Each structure stands twice: as structure tokens, then as C-alpha cells.
């Protein structure tokens, strides 16, 4: 974690990956995409970066079950 970097509130803790999320929101936040489009981009990313296979699989599974009851 990085303290205060891009968080907007002095002293607020922020994960380093939040910078990428903020960039995504700033650059493409007004766009609408389908889940099929997102799934294809995730596949493309894993093809280019196979070392992130587990993280992308966990993210995709979490998104798929987001509206279900229970912990995931």
C-alpha cells in the first residue's frame, strides 16, 4: 500500500493497483461495454501475460458471482 498517492485525501491509504483503476476510470469511465467484450479483453490479457492467469481467473469468478448471496 502507498499512503496518499492519488487518493485525494491526505493520509488515506491506497493500494498501488488503485492507480491503474483510477487511470481506467479517467480514460474510459464514460464508455459502456458488454461482458462478452470484457471477457475477450481478459482472455487477450492472459494470452499476453500468462503469469496473471490466477489473478484474472479470480477476478472473473468474483465478477460472475457478484450478485449471489454468500461470501466469495
N, C-alpha and C. Protein backbone atom coordinates (compact mmCIF):
# COMPACT_ATOMS: atom_id res chain seq x y z
N UNK A 1 0.83 -1.18 0.00
CA UNK A 1 0.00 0.00 0.00
C UNK A 1 0.88 1.24 0.00
N UNK A 2 0.35 2.28 -0.56
CA UNK A 2 1.03 3.56 -0.62
C UNK A 2 0.14 4.57 0.08
N UNK A 3 0.72 5.39 0.93
CA UNK A 3 -0.09 6.35 1.65
C UNK A 3 -0.27 7.61 0.83
N UNK A 4 -1.53 7.96 0.58
CA UNK A 4 -1.88 9.24 -0.01
C UNK A 4 -1.61 9.40 -1.50
N UNK A 5 -1.02 8.45 -2.17
CA UNK A 5 -0.70 8.60 -3.58
C UNK A 5 -1.97 8.56 -4.40
N UNK A 6 -2.38 9.68 -4.94
CA UNK A 6 -3.55 9.73 -5.80
C UNK A 6 -4.86 9.46 -5.10
N UNK A 7 -4.84 9.35 -3.79
CA UNK A 7 -6.05 9.00 -3.06
C UNK A 7 -7.00 10.17 -2.93
N UNK A 8 -6.50 11.38 -3.07
CA UNK A 8 -7.38 12.54 -2.99
C UNK A 8 -7.57 13.04 -1.57
N UNK A 9 -7.25 12.24 -0.59
CA UNK A 9 -7.36 12.63 0.81
C UNK A 9 -6.00 12.39 1.46
N UNK A 10 -5.36 13.46 1.97
CA UNK A 10 -4.06 13.28 2.60
C UNK A 10 -4.12 12.23 3.71
N UNK A 11 -3.14 11.32 3.69
CA UNK A 11 -3.06 10.29 4.71
C UNK A 11 -3.92 9.07 4.44
N UNK A 12 -4.78 9.11 3.42
CA UNK A 12 -5.63 7.96 3.09
C UNK A 12 -4.77 6.87 2.47
N UNK A 13 -4.96 5.62 2.92
CA UNK A 13 -4.21 4.52 2.36
C UNK A 13 -4.82 4.09 1.04
N UNK A 14 -3.95 3.69 0.13
CA UNK A 14 -4.39 3.31 -1.20
C UNK A 14 -3.47 2.22 -1.71
N UNK A 15 -4.05 1.18 -2.28
CA UNK A 15 -3.23 0.14 -2.88
C UNK A 15 -2.60 0.67 -4.16
N UNK A 16 -1.40 0.20 -4.47
CA UNK A 16 -0.71 0.63 -5.68
C UNK A 16 -1.56 0.38 -6.91
N UNK A 17 -2.31 -0.75 -6.94
CA UNK A 17 -3.12 -1.07 -8.10
C UNK A 17 -4.26 -0.09 -8.30
N UNK A 18 -4.63 0.65 -7.27
CA UNK A 18 -5.69 1.65 -7.41
C UNK A 18 -5.31 2.70 -8.46
N UNK A 19 -4.04 2.93 -8.66
CA UNK A 19 -3.62 3.90 -9.67
C UNK A 19 -4.07 3.47 -11.05
N UNK A 20 -3.94 2.19 -11.36
CA UNK A 20 -4.40 1.66 -12.64
C UNK A 20 -5.90 1.72 -12.77
N UNK A 21 -6.60 1.44 -11.67
CA UNK A 21 -8.06 1.51 -11.68
C UNK A 21 -8.50 2.94 -11.90
N UNK A 22 -7.85 3.89 -11.24
CA UNK A 22 -8.18 5.30 -11.45
C UNK A 22 -7.90 5.72 -12.89
N UNK A 23 -6.79 5.25 -13.46
CA UNK A 23 -6.48 5.57 -14.85
C UNK A 23 -7.55 5.02 -15.79
N UNK A 24 -7.98 3.77 -15.54
CA UNK A 24 -9.05 3.17 -16.34
C UNK A 24 -10.32 4.01 -16.26
N UNK A 25 -10.68 4.41 -15.06
CA UNK A 25 -11.89 5.22 -14.88
C UNK A 25 -11.75 6.58 -15.56
N UNK A 26 -10.59 7.20 -15.43
CA UNK A 26 -10.37 8.50 -16.06
C UNK A 26 -10.39 8.41 -17.58
N UNK A 27 -9.74 7.38 -18.13
CA UNK A 27 -9.61 7.25 -19.58
C UNK A 27 -10.86 6.70 -20.26
N UNK A 28 -11.56 5.78 -19.60
CA UNK A 28 -12.65 5.07 -20.27
C UNK A 28 -13.92 5.01 -19.45
N UNK A 29 -14.01 5.83 -18.41
CA UNK A 29 -15.13 5.78 -17.47
C UNK A 29 -16.50 6.07 -18.07
N UNK A 30 -16.55 6.77 -19.18
CA UNK A 30 -17.84 7.09 -19.80
C UNK A 30 -18.29 6.03 -20.81
N UNK A 31 -17.44 5.06 -21.09
CA UNK A 31 -17.78 4.02 -22.08
C UNK A 31 -18.65 2.94 -21.46
N UNK A 32 -19.46 2.32 -22.29
CA UNK A 32 -20.23 1.15 -21.87
C UNK A 32 -19.72 -0.04 -22.66
N UNK A 33 -19.55 -1.16 -21.98
CA UNK A 33 -19.05 -2.37 -22.63
C UNK A 33 -19.93 -3.54 -22.24
N UNK A 34 -19.90 -4.57 -23.04
CA UNK A 34 -20.62 -5.79 -22.71
C UNK A 34 -19.70 -6.71 -21.92
N UNK A 35 -20.30 -7.67 -21.24
CA UNK A 35 -19.50 -8.65 -20.52
C UNK A 35 -18.71 -9.51 -21.51
N UNK A 36 -19.28 -9.75 -22.69
CA UNK A 36 -18.56 -10.51 -23.71
C UNK A 36 -17.29 -9.78 -24.14
N UNK A 37 -17.38 -8.47 -24.30
CA UNK A 37 -16.21 -7.66 -24.65
C UNK A 37 -15.16 -7.75 -23.55
N UNK A 38 -15.61 -7.60 -22.29
CA UNK A 38 -14.68 -7.67 -21.16
C UNK A 38 -14.03 -9.04 -21.08
N UNK A 39 -14.81 -10.10 -21.25
CA UNK A 39 -14.26 -11.46 -21.21
C UNK A 39 -13.18 -11.64 -22.28
N UNK A 40 -13.42 -11.12 -23.46
CA UNK A 40 -12.43 -11.24 -24.55
C UNK A 40 -11.16 -10.46 -24.22
N UNK A 41 -11.30 -9.27 -23.64
CA UNK A 41 -10.12 -8.50 -23.25
C UNK A 41 -9.34 -9.21 -22.17
N UNK A 42 -10.03 -9.84 -21.22
CA UNK A 42 -9.34 -10.60 -20.17
C UNK A 42 -8.59 -11.79 -20.78
N UNK A 43 -9.20 -12.47 -21.74
CA UNK A 43 -8.51 -13.57 -22.43
C UNK A 43 -7.27 -13.05 -23.15
N UNK A 44 -7.41 -11.93 -23.84
CA UNK A 44 -6.26 -11.33 -24.54
C UNK A 44 -5.14 -11.02 -23.55
N UNK A 45 -5.51 -10.45 -22.41
CA UNK A 45 -4.51 -10.08 -21.40
C UNK A 45 -3.77 -11.31 -20.89
N UNK A 46 -4.50 -12.38 -20.60
CA UNK A 46 -3.87 -13.61 -20.10
C UNK A 46 -2.99 -14.24 -21.18
N UNK A 47 -3.43 -14.17 -22.43
CA UNK A 47 -2.59 -14.69 -23.52
C UNK A 47 -1.25 -13.96 -23.57
N UNK A 48 -1.28 -12.66 -23.34
CA UNK A 48 -0.05 -11.85 -23.37
C UNK A 48 0.74 -11.91 -22.07
N UNK A 49 0.03 -12.22 -20.97
CA UNK A 49 0.64 -12.22 -19.63
C UNK A 49 0.20 -13.46 -18.86
N UNK A 50 0.66 -14.64 -19.24
CA UNK A 50 0.17 -15.87 -18.61
C UNK A 50 0.45 -15.95 -17.12
N UNK A 51 1.41 -15.20 -16.62
CA UNK A 51 1.71 -15.21 -15.19
C UNK A 51 0.57 -14.63 -14.35
N UNK A 52 -0.38 -13.94 -14.98
CA UNK A 52 -1.52 -13.36 -14.28
C UNK A 52 -2.78 -14.21 -14.40
N UNK A 53 -2.63 -15.43 -14.90
CA UNK A 53 -3.76 -16.33 -15.10
C UNK A 53 -4.61 -16.49 -13.84
N UNK A 54 -3.97 -16.75 -12.71
CA UNK A 54 -4.71 -16.99 -11.46
C UNK A 54 -5.46 -15.74 -11.03
N UNK A 55 -4.82 -14.59 -11.08
CA UNK A 55 -5.48 -13.35 -10.66
C UNK A 55 -6.67 -13.02 -11.55
N UNK A 56 -6.51 -13.18 -12.85
CA UNK A 56 -7.61 -12.89 -13.78
C UNK A 56 -8.75 -13.89 -13.59
N UNK A 57 -8.40 -15.15 -13.35
CA UNK A 57 -9.43 -16.16 -13.09
C UNK A 57 -10.21 -15.81 -11.83
N UNK A 58 -9.52 -15.39 -10.80
CA UNK A 58 -10.21 -14.99 -9.55
C UNK A 58 -11.10 -13.78 -9.76
N UNK A 59 -10.61 -12.80 -10.50
CA UNK A 59 -11.41 -11.61 -10.79
C UNK A 59 -12.66 -11.98 -11.59
N UNK A 60 -12.50 -12.78 -12.62
CA UNK A 60 -13.63 -13.18 -13.46
C UNK A 60 -14.65 -13.98 -12.65
N UNK A 61 -14.18 -14.88 -11.81
CA UNK A 61 -15.09 -15.67 -10.98
C UNK A 61 -15.82 -14.78 -9.99
N UNK A 62 -15.11 -13.83 -9.39
CA UNK A 62 -15.73 -12.90 -8.44
C UNK A 62 -16.80 -12.07 -9.15
N UNK A 63 -16.50 -11.56 -10.33
CA UNK A 63 -17.47 -10.78 -11.09
C UNK A 63 -18.69 -11.63 -11.47
N UNK A 64 -18.44 -12.89 -11.85
CA UNK A 64 -19.54 -13.77 -12.26
C UNK A 64 -20.51 -14.04 -11.11
N UNK A 65 -20.02 -14.05 -9.89
CA UNK A 65 -20.84 -14.41 -8.72
C UNK A 65 -21.17 -13.21 -7.84
N UNK A 66 -20.94 -12.03 -8.32
CA UNK A 66 -21.07 -10.82 -7.53
C UNK A 66 -22.46 -10.63 -6.90
N UNK A 67 -23.51 -11.00 -7.61
CA UNK A 67 -24.87 -10.78 -7.11
C UNK A 67 -25.42 -11.95 -6.30
N UNK A 68 -24.63 -12.98 -6.12
CA UNK A 68 -25.08 -14.14 -5.36
C UNK A 68 -24.90 -13.89 -3.86
N UNK A 69 -25.74 -14.55 -3.07
CA UNK A 69 -25.59 -14.46 -1.63
C UNK A 69 -24.39 -15.28 -1.17
N UNK A 70 -23.81 -14.88 -0.07
CA UNK A 70 -22.68 -15.62 0.48
C UNK A 70 -21.38 -14.94 0.17
N UNK A 71 -20.36 -15.44 0.85
CA UNK A 71 -19.02 -14.90 0.66
C UNK A 71 -18.40 -15.48 -0.58
N UNK A 72 -17.68 -14.65 -1.30
CA UNK A 72 -16.93 -15.14 -2.45
C UNK A 72 -15.64 -14.44 -2.54
